[in-house]
């Protein structure tokens, strides 16, 4: 690590849990998201089409869980807790694992945990892998999604 590079993360942050969040999935937000991503399948806009296709209501598009997780009053509070400087954060990647389809009207619980931290380029870039566990109101798993954040150091 160079003199100008300051590490923020240590392995001690692995296991840090972000606060639980409960969110109700709303039809209007699903429709807006589907429109924004250019989705054309009517199941994402028309509840009758979704029901005819076997869903309880309009289904949640695959990457919409990330948007729901940002419904927190302060979505970046945990950055402050871990000493992560928000202006230095880049979104590296994300991936999803699905267990069942969520639909409009569902109340979903999000619980997050830091799964890994590592550095590259002599500490100039630090990486944090954060996993969200999404479950239905009855506790059954719906999905998990990982996001890898990159923290740049000058």
N, C-alpha and C. Protein backbone atom coordinates (compact mmCIF):
# COMPACT_ATOMS: atom_id res chain seq x y z
N UNK A 1 0.83 -1.16 0.00
CA UNK A 1 0.00 0.00 0.00
C UNK A 1 0.88 1.24 0.00
N UNK A 2 0.55 2.26 -0.78
CA UNK A 2 1.36 3.48 -0.82
C UNK A 2 0.98 4.39 0.31
N UNK A 3 1.79 5.44 0.52
CA UNK A 3 1.51 6.40 1.59
C UNK A 3 0.17 7.09 1.41
N UNK A 4 -0.27 7.28 0.15
CA UNK A 4 -1.52 8.00 -0.12
C UNK A 4 -2.74 7.09 -0.09
N UNK A 5 -2.55 5.80 0.09
CA UNK A 5 -3.65 4.85 0.09
C UNK A 5 -4.03 4.53 1.53
N UNK A 6 -5.31 4.65 1.82
CA UNK A 6 -5.79 4.40 3.17
C UNK A 6 -6.82 3.28 3.13
N UNK A 7 -6.54 2.18 3.76
CA UNK A 7 -7.49 1.07 3.82
C UNK A 7 -8.61 1.43 4.78
N UNK A 8 -9.82 1.10 4.39
CA UNK A 8 -11.00 1.33 5.22
C UNK A 8 -11.47 0.02 5.82
N UNK A 9 -11.41 -1.02 5.03
CA UNK A 9 -12.02 -2.29 5.41
C UNK A 9 -11.00 -3.27 5.97
N UNK A 10 -11.43 -4.03 6.96
CA UNK A 10 -10.63 -5.12 7.49
C UNK A 10 -11.53 -6.35 7.51
N UNK A 11 -10.95 -7.53 7.63
CA UNK A 11 -11.78 -8.73 7.71
C UNK A 11 -12.78 -8.70 8.87
N UNK A 12 -12.56 -7.83 9.85
CA UNK A 12 -13.49 -7.74 10.98
C UNK A 12 -14.89 -7.31 10.56
N UNK A 13 -15.04 -6.67 9.37
CA UNK A 13 -16.38 -6.24 8.94
C UNK A 13 -17.19 -7.40 8.35
N UNK A 14 -16.53 -8.51 8.03
CA UNK A 14 -17.25 -9.67 7.51
C UNK A 14 -18.22 -10.15 8.60
N UNK A 15 -19.45 -10.33 8.20
CA UNK A 15 -20.48 -10.73 9.14
C UNK A 15 -21.33 -9.55 9.62
N UNK A 16 -20.87 -8.32 9.36
CA UNK A 16 -21.66 -7.15 9.76
C UNK A 16 -23.04 -7.23 9.09
N UNK A 17 -24.07 -7.06 9.88
CA UNK A 17 -25.43 -7.15 9.35
C UNK A 17 -26.06 -5.77 9.24
N UNK A 18 -26.67 -5.53 8.10
CA UNK A 18 -27.40 -4.28 7.90
C UNK A 18 -28.81 -4.46 8.45
N UNK A 19 -29.45 -3.36 8.86
CA UNK A 19 -30.77 -3.48 9.50
C UNK A 19 -31.81 -4.16 8.61
N UNK A 20 -32.69 -4.90 9.23
CA UNK A 20 -33.79 -5.57 8.53
C UNK A 20 -34.74 -4.51 7.99
N UNK A 21 -35.34 -4.81 6.85
CA UNK A 21 -36.28 -3.91 6.21
C UNK A 21 -37.46 -4.72 5.70
N UNK A 22 -38.66 -4.26 5.99
CA UNK A 22 -39.88 -4.86 5.43
C UNK A 22 -40.47 -3.88 4.42
N UNK A 23 -40.80 -4.39 3.22
CA UNK A 23 -41.31 -3.55 2.14
C UNK A 23 -42.49 -4.24 1.47
N UNK A 24 -43.55 -3.47 1.22
CA UNK A 24 -44.68 -3.99 0.44
C UNK A 24 -44.42 -3.69 -1.03
N UNK A 25 -44.59 -4.69 -1.87
CA UNK A 25 -44.39 -4.54 -3.31
C UNK A 25 -45.64 -3.89 -3.91
N UNK A 26 -45.46 -2.75 -4.56
CA UNK A 26 -46.58 -1.99 -5.12
C UNK A 26 -46.66 -2.13 -6.64
N UNK A 27 -47.88 -2.30 -7.15
CA UNK A 27 -48.10 -2.47 -8.59
C UNK A 27 -47.56 -1.30 -9.40
N UNK A 28 -47.83 -0.08 -8.94
CA UNK A 28 -47.41 1.10 -9.69
C UNK A 28 -45.90 1.17 -9.87
N UNK A 29 -45.16 0.84 -8.82
CA UNK A 29 -43.69 0.87 -8.91
C UNK A 29 -43.20 -0.22 -9.86
N UNK A 30 -43.87 -1.39 -9.82
CA UNK A 30 -43.47 -2.46 -10.74
C UNK A 30 -43.68 -2.04 -12.19
N UNK A 31 -44.82 -1.41 -12.46
CA UNK A 31 -45.11 -0.95 -13.82
C UNK A 31 -44.08 0.09 -14.28
N UNK A 32 -43.76 1.05 -13.42
CA UNK A 32 -42.78 2.08 -13.78
C UNK A 32 -41.40 1.47 -14.05
N UNK A 33 -41.00 0.52 -13.21
CA UNK A 33 -39.71 -0.12 -13.39
C UNK A 33 -39.69 -0.89 -14.72
N UNK A 34 -40.74 -1.65 -14.99
CA UNK A 34 -40.81 -2.42 -16.23
C UNK A 34 -40.72 -1.50 -17.45
N UNK A 35 -41.42 -0.38 -17.37
CA UNK A 35 -41.36 0.60 -18.46
C UNK A 35 -39.94 1.15 -18.60
N UNK A 36 -39.31 1.48 -17.48
CA UNK A 36 -37.96 2.06 -17.50
C UNK A 36 -36.93 1.12 -18.11
N UNK A 37 -37.09 -0.18 -17.91
CA UNK A 37 -36.11 -1.13 -18.45
C UNK A 37 -36.48 -1.63 -19.85
N UNK A 38 -37.61 -1.12 -20.38
CA UNK A 38 -38.01 -1.50 -21.73
C UNK A 38 -38.72 -2.83 -21.82
N UNK A 39 -39.24 -3.32 -20.71
CA UNK A 39 -39.96 -4.60 -20.70
C UNK A 39 -41.26 -4.45 -21.50
N UNK A 40 -41.58 -5.45 -22.30
CA UNK A 40 -42.80 -5.39 -23.12
C UNK A 40 -43.81 -6.50 -22.79
N UNK A 41 -43.40 -7.46 -21.98
CA UNK A 41 -44.28 -8.56 -21.63
C UNK A 41 -45.45 -8.01 -20.80
N UNK A 42 -46.70 -8.26 -21.22
CA UNK A 42 -47.86 -7.69 -20.51
C UNK A 42 -48.01 -8.15 -19.06
N UNK A 43 -47.39 -9.24 -18.67
CA UNK A 43 -47.53 -9.68 -17.27
C UNK A 43 -46.94 -8.66 -16.30
N UNK A 44 -46.04 -7.79 -16.78
CA UNK A 44 -45.41 -6.79 -15.93
C UNK A 44 -46.19 -5.47 -15.88
N UNK A 45 -47.30 -5.40 -16.65
CA UNK A 45 -48.11 -4.19 -16.68
C UNK A 45 -49.58 -4.45 -16.35
N UNK A 46 -50.08 -5.57 -16.80
CA UNK A 46 -51.52 -5.87 -16.75
C UNK A 46 -51.74 -7.02 -15.76
N UNK A 47 -52.44 -6.72 -14.67
CA UNK A 47 -52.65 -7.74 -13.65
C UNK A 47 -53.44 -8.93 -14.19
N UNK A 48 -54.42 -8.68 -15.06
CA UNK A 48 -55.20 -9.78 -15.64
C UNK A 48 -54.30 -10.71 -16.45
N UNK A 49 -53.36 -10.15 -17.20
CA UNK A 49 -52.42 -10.97 -17.98
C UNK A 49 -51.52 -11.77 -17.04
N UNK A 50 -51.10 -11.15 -15.93
CA UNK A 50 -50.25 -11.85 -14.97
C UNK A 50 -51.00 -13.01 -14.33
N UNK A 51 -52.23 -12.78 -13.95
CA UNK A 51 -53.04 -13.84 -13.33
C UNK A 51 -53.30 -14.97 -14.34
N UNK A 52 -53.60 -14.59 -15.58
CA UNK A 52 -53.83 -15.59 -16.63
C UNK A 52 -52.57 -16.44 -16.85
N UNK A 53 -51.40 -15.85 -16.59
CA UNK A 53 -50.14 -16.57 -16.76
C UNK A 53 -49.77 -17.40 -15.53
N UNK A 54 -50.62 -17.35 -14.48
CA UNK A 54 -50.39 -18.18 -13.31
C UNK A 54 -49.80 -17.47 -12.10
N UNK A 55 -49.64 -16.15 -12.18
CA UNK A 55 -49.11 -15.39 -11.05
C UNK A 55 -50.24 -14.89 -10.17
N UNK A 56 -49.96 -14.60 -8.92
CA UNK A 56 -50.97 -14.06 -8.00
C UNK A 56 -51.31 -12.62 -8.34
N UNK A 57 -50.37 -11.90 -8.94
CA UNK A 57 -50.52 -10.51 -9.36
C UNK A 57 -49.34 -10.20 -10.28
N UNK A 58 -49.07 -8.95 -10.50
CA UNK A 58 -47.94 -8.56 -11.34
C UNK A 58 -46.64 -9.04 -10.68
N UNK A 59 -45.83 -9.83 -11.41
CA UNK A 59 -44.59 -10.35 -10.80
C UNK A 59 -43.50 -9.29 -10.70
N UNK A 60 -42.60 -9.48 -9.74
CA UNK A 60 -41.46 -8.60 -9.56
C UNK A 60 -40.44 -8.92 -10.66
N UNK A 61 -40.04 -7.93 -11.47
CA UNK A 61 -38.98 -8.19 -12.46
C UNK A 61 -37.68 -8.61 -11.77
N UNK A 62 -36.85 -9.36 -12.45
CA UNK A 62 -35.68 -9.97 -11.81
C UNK A 62 -34.77 -9.06 -10.99
N UNK A 63 -34.43 -7.87 -11.46
CA UNK A 63 -33.48 -7.04 -10.72
C UNK A 63 -34.15 -6.00 -9.81
N UNK A 64 -35.46 -6.03 -9.69
CA UNK A 64 -36.18 -5.03 -8.90
C UNK A 64 -35.91 -5.15 -7.40
N UNK A 65 -35.43 -6.29 -6.95
CA UNK A 65 -35.12 -6.45 -5.53
C UNK A 65 -34.12 -5.39 -5.06
N UNK A 66 -33.17 -5.05 -5.94
CA UNK A 66 -32.19 -4.03 -5.59
C UNK A 66 -32.88 -2.69 -5.31
N UNK A 67 -33.88 -2.34 -6.11
CA UNK A 67 -34.63 -1.09 -5.90
C UNK A 67 -35.40 -1.13 -4.58
N UNK A 68 -36.02 -2.27 -4.28
CA UNK A 68 -36.78 -2.39 -3.03
C UNK A 68 -35.86 -2.24 -1.81
N UNK A 69 -34.67 -2.80 -1.91
CA UNK A 69 -33.74 -2.73 -0.79
C UNK A 69 -33.33 -1.29 -0.50
N UNK A 70 -33.40 -0.43 -1.49
CA UNK A 70 -33.03 0.98 -1.32
C UNK A 70 -34.17 1.81 -0.70
N UNK A 71 -35.27 1.17 -0.31
CA UNK A 71 -36.40 1.87 0.30
C UNK A 71 -36.12 2.31 1.73
N UNK A 72 -34.98 1.96 2.25
CA UNK A 72 -34.64 2.35 3.62
C UNK A 72 -34.67 3.87 3.76
N UNK A 73 -34.99 4.35 4.97
CA UNK A 73 -34.94 5.79 5.22
C UNK A 73 -33.54 6.34 4.93
N UNK A 74 -32.53 5.60 5.33
CA UNK A 74 -31.13 5.98 5.11
C UNK A 74 -30.40 4.78 4.51
N UNK A 75 -30.50 4.58 3.19
CA UNK A 75 -29.93 3.37 2.60
C UNK A 75 -28.42 3.21 2.76
N UNK A 76 -27.71 4.29 3.06
CA UNK A 76 -26.25 4.21 3.18
C UNK A 76 -25.76 4.37 4.61
N UNK A 77 -26.65 4.31 5.59
CA UNK A 77 -26.23 4.42 6.99
C UNK A 77 -25.12 3.44 7.34
N UNK A 78 -25.23 2.23 6.84
CA UNK A 78 -24.24 1.22 7.21
C UNK A 78 -22.87 1.55 6.63
N UNK A 79 -22.79 2.35 5.56
CA UNK A 79 -21.49 2.80 5.05
C UNK A 79 -20.80 3.62 6.13
N UNK A 80 -21.56 4.51 6.76
CA UNK A 80 -21.00 5.36 7.81
C UNK A 80 -20.53 4.51 8.99
N UNK A 81 -21.33 3.51 9.35
CA UNK A 81 -20.97 2.63 10.47
C UNK A 81 -19.63 1.93 10.20
N UNK A 82 -19.40 1.53 8.95
CA UNK A 82 -18.17 0.81 8.60
C UNK A 82 -17.04 1.75 8.16
N UNK A 83 -17.31 3.05 8.12
CA UNK A 83 -16.27 4.00 7.72
C UNK A 83 -16.02 4.04 6.22
N UNK A 84 -17.02 3.68 5.43
CA UNK A 84 -16.88 3.68 3.98
C UNK A 84 -17.27 5.07 3.45
N UNK A 85 -16.35 5.75 2.75
CA UNK A 85 -16.65 7.10 2.22
C UNK A 85 -17.52 7.01 0.95
N UNK A 86 -18.79 7.36 1.07
CA UNK A 86 -19.74 7.23 -0.04
C UNK A 86 -19.24 7.83 -1.36
N UNK A 87 -18.61 9.01 -1.36
CA UNK A 87 -18.14 9.56 -2.65
C UNK A 87 -17.09 8.71 -3.35
N UNK A 88 -16.49 7.76 -2.64
CA UNK A 88 -15.44 6.91 -3.22
C UNK A 88 -15.97 5.54 -3.66
N UNK A 89 -17.30 5.32 -3.54
CA UNK A 89 -17.88 4.00 -3.81
C UNK A 89 -18.37 3.90 -5.25
N UNK A 90 -18.01 2.79 -5.88
CA UNK A 90 -18.51 2.44 -7.21
C UNK A 90 -19.27 1.12 -7.10
N UNK A 91 -20.27 0.95 -7.94
CA UNK A 91 -21.00 -0.33 -8.00
C UNK A 91 -20.22 -1.24 -8.92
N UNK A 92 -19.68 -2.33 -8.38
CA UNK A 92 -18.86 -3.25 -9.17
C UNK A 92 -19.66 -4.26 -9.96
N UNK A 93 -20.52 -5.00 -9.26
CA UNK A 93 -21.36 -6.00 -9.93
C UNK A 93 -22.47 -6.42 -8.98
N UNK A 94 -23.44 -7.12 -9.52
CA UNK A 94 -24.48 -7.72 -8.70
C UNK A 94 -24.92 -9.02 -9.35
N UNK A 95 -25.39 -9.94 -8.53
CA UNK A 95 -25.95 -11.18 -9.05
C UNK A 95 -27.07 -11.63 -8.12
N UNK A 96 -27.98 -12.41 -8.68
CA UNK A 96 -29.20 -12.80 -8.00
C UNK A 96 -29.38 -14.31 -8.02
N UNK A 97 -29.95 -14.84 -6.95
CA UNK A 97 -30.39 -16.23 -6.87
C UNK A 97 -31.85 -16.17 -6.47
N UNK A 98 -32.71 -16.85 -7.23
CA UNK A 98 -34.15 -16.78 -6.98
C UNK A 98 -34.68 -18.12 -6.48
N UNK A 99 -35.57 -18.06 -5.50
CA UNK A 99 -36.20 -19.26 -4.95
C UNK A 99 -37.66 -19.36 -5.34
N UNK A 100 -38.32 -18.22 -5.46
CA UNK A 100 -39.71 -18.19 -5.93
C UNK A 100 -40.01 -16.78 -6.42
N UNK A 101 -41.09 -16.65 -7.18
CA UNK A 101 -41.48 -15.36 -7.72
C UNK A 101 -42.24 -14.55 -6.67
N UNK A 102 -41.85 -13.31 -6.51
CA UNK A 102 -42.59 -12.37 -5.67
C UNK A 102 -43.51 -11.57 -6.57
N UNK A 103 -44.64 -11.13 -6.02
CA UNK A 103 -45.63 -10.39 -6.80
C UNK A 103 -46.11 -9.16 -6.05
N UNK A 104 -46.77 -8.27 -6.79
CA UNK A 104 -47.38 -7.09 -6.18
C UNK A 104 -48.27 -7.54 -5.03
N UNK A 105 -48.21 -6.78 -3.94
CA UNK A 105 -48.98 -7.12 -2.75
C UNK A 105 -48.20 -7.90 -1.71
N UNK A 106 -47.11 -8.53 -2.13
CA UNK A 106 -46.28 -9.27 -1.16
C UNK A 106 -45.57 -8.28 -0.24
N UNK A 107 -45.38 -8.69 0.99
CA UNK A 107 -44.54 -7.95 1.93
C UNK A 107 -43.26 -8.76 2.08
N UNK A 108 -42.15 -8.14 1.70
CA UNK A 108 -40.87 -8.82 1.69
C UNK A 108 -39.96 -8.26 2.78
N UNK A 109 -39.18 -9.14 3.37
CA UNK A 109 -38.20 -8.75 4.38
C UNK A 109 -36.81 -8.88 3.78
N UNK A 110 -35.99 -7.85 4.00
CA UNK A 110 -34.61 -7.82 3.53
C UNK A 110 -33.70 -7.82 4.75
N UNK A 111 -32.71 -8.70 4.70
CA UNK A 111 -31.68 -8.74 5.74
C UNK A 111 -30.35 -8.84 5.03
N UNK A 112 -29.43 -7.92 5.33
CA UNK A 112 -28.16 -7.89 4.63
C UNK A 112 -26.99 -8.25 5.51
N UNK A 113 -25.94 -8.75 4.86
CA UNK A 113 -24.73 -9.14 5.60
C UNK A 113 -23.50 -8.97 4.70
N UNK A 114 -22.43 -8.46 5.28
CA UNK A 114 -21.15 -8.38 4.57
C UNK A 114 -20.56 -9.78 4.51
N UNK A 115 -20.30 -10.26 3.30
CA UNK A 115 -19.82 -11.62 3.11
C UNK A 115 -18.31 -11.70 2.88
N UNK A 116 -17.71 -10.64 2.34
CA UNK A 116 -16.28 -10.68 2.04
C UNK A 116 -15.75 -9.27 1.84
N UNK A 117 -14.48 -9.09 2.09
CA UNK A 117 -13.75 -7.86 1.77
C UNK A 117 -12.37 -8.27 1.27
N UNK A 118 -11.86 -7.54 0.30
CA UNK A 118 -10.51 -7.79 -0.21
C UNK A 118 -10.03 -6.53 -0.94
N UNK A 119 -8.74 -6.46 -1.18
CA UNK A 119 -8.14 -5.30 -1.84
C UNK A 119 -7.37 -5.75 -3.08
N UNK A 120 -7.22 -4.81 -4.00
CA UNK A 120 -6.41 -5.00 -5.21
C UNK A 120 -5.60 -3.74 -5.45
N UNK A 121 -4.63 -3.86 -6.31
CA UNK A 121 -3.77 -2.72 -6.68
C UNK A 121 -3.13 -2.09 -5.46
N UNK A 122 -2.60 -2.94 -4.59
CA UNK A 122 -1.90 -2.44 -3.42
C UNK A 122 -2.78 -1.68 -2.45
N UNK A 123 -4.06 -1.97 -2.44
CA UNK A 123 -4.99 -1.29 -1.53
C UNK A 123 -5.66 -0.08 -2.15
N UNK A 124 -5.29 0.28 -3.38
CA UNK A 124 -5.92 1.43 -4.04
C UNK A 124 -7.40 1.16 -4.32
N UNK A 125 -7.75 -0.12 -4.47
CA UNK A 125 -9.14 -0.51 -4.65
C UNK A 125 -9.50 -1.55 -3.59
N UNK A 126 -10.55 -1.27 -2.84
CA UNK A 126 -11.07 -2.24 -1.88
C UNK A 126 -12.43 -2.70 -2.37
N UNK A 127 -12.73 -3.97 -2.10
CA UNK A 127 -13.98 -4.56 -2.55
C UNK A 127 -14.75 -5.09 -1.34
N UNK A 128 -16.04 -4.86 -1.34
CA UNK A 128 -16.91 -5.37 -0.28
C UNK A 128 -18.07 -6.10 -0.94
N UNK A 129 -18.29 -7.35 -0.55
CA UNK A 129 -19.41 -8.13 -1.07
C UNK A 129 -20.50 -8.13 0.00
N UNK A 130 -21.66 -7.59 -0.36
CA UNK A 130 -22.80 -7.47 0.55
C UNK A 130 -23.93 -8.34 0.00
N UNK A 131 -24.45 -9.25 0.81
CA UNK A 131 -25.54 -10.14 0.39
C UNK A 131 -26.82 -9.73 1.10
N UNK A 132 -27.90 -9.65 0.32
CA UNK A 132 -29.22 -9.44 0.88
C UNK A 132 -30.00 -10.74 0.79
N UNK A 133 -30.62 -11.10 1.88
CA UNK A 133 -31.50 -12.26 1.93
C UNK A 133 -32.92 -11.72 1.93
N UNK A 134 -33.72 -12.14 0.95
CA UNK A 134 -35.09 -11.66 0.81
C UNK A 134 -36.02 -12.82 1.15
N UNK A 135 -36.98 -12.56 2.05
CA UNK A 135 -37.93 -13.60 2.42
C UNK A 135 -39.34 -13.04 2.42
N UNK A 136 -40.32 -13.94 2.30
CA UNK A 136 -41.73 -13.56 2.36
C UNK A 136 -42.11 -13.34 3.82
N UNK A 137 -43.31 -12.82 4.04
CA UNK A 137 -43.76 -12.52 5.41
C UNK A 137 -43.80 -13.76 6.30
N UNK A 138 -43.92 -14.93 5.68
CA UNK A 138 -43.95 -16.17 6.47
C UNK A 138 -42.55 -16.76 6.68
N UNK A 139 -41.53 -16.05 6.21
CA UNK A 139 -40.15 -16.49 6.41
C UNK A 139 -39.57 -17.34 5.29
N UNK A 140 -40.38 -17.72 4.31
CA UNK A 140 -39.85 -18.55 3.22
C UNK A 140 -38.92 -17.72 2.33
N UNK A 141 -37.80 -18.30 1.92
CA UNK A 141 -36.86 -17.57 1.06
C UNK A 141 -37.46 -17.22 -0.30
N UNK A 142 -37.19 -16.01 -0.74
CA UNK A 142 -37.62 -15.54 -2.06
C UNK A 142 -36.40 -15.40 -2.97
N UNK A 143 -35.34 -14.76 -2.45
CA UNK A 143 -34.15 -14.52 -3.27
C UNK A 143 -32.99 -14.13 -2.38
N UNK A 144 -31.80 -14.18 -2.95
CA UNK A 144 -30.62 -13.55 -2.39
C UNK A 144 -30.00 -12.75 -3.52
N UNK A 145 -29.41 -11.64 -3.17
CA UNK A 145 -28.62 -10.95 -4.18
C UNK A 145 -27.38 -10.35 -3.54
N UNK A 146 -26.29 -10.50 -4.28
CA UNK A 146 -25.00 -9.97 -3.87
C UNK A 146 -24.71 -8.72 -4.68
N UNK A 147 -24.12 -7.75 -4.03
CA UNK A 147 -23.58 -6.61 -4.75
C UNK A 147 -22.14 -6.44 -4.29
N UNK A 148 -21.29 -6.18 -5.25
CA UNK A 148 -19.89 -5.92 -4.94
C UNK A 148 -19.65 -4.42 -5.11
N UNK A 149 -19.23 -3.81 -4.01
CA UNK A 149 -18.91 -2.40 -4.02
C UNK A 149 -17.40 -2.24 -4.13
N UNK A 150 -16.98 -1.24 -4.87
CA UNK A 150 -15.57 -0.93 -5.03
C UNK A 150 -15.33 0.42 -4.37
N UNK A 151 -14.37 0.49 -3.45
CA UNK A 151 -14.01 1.72 -2.77
C UNK A 151 -12.66 2.16 -3.33
N UNK A 152 -12.65 3.32 -3.97
CA UNK A 152 -11.42 3.86 -4.59
C UNK A 152 -10.65 4.68 -3.57
N UNK A 153 -9.36 4.55 -3.60
CA UNK A 153 -8.48 5.38 -2.78
C UNK A 153 -7.52 6.11 -3.72
N UNK A 154 -7.37 7.38 -3.51
CA UNK A 154 -6.47 8.18 -4.36
C UNK A 154 -5.02 7.89 -4.04
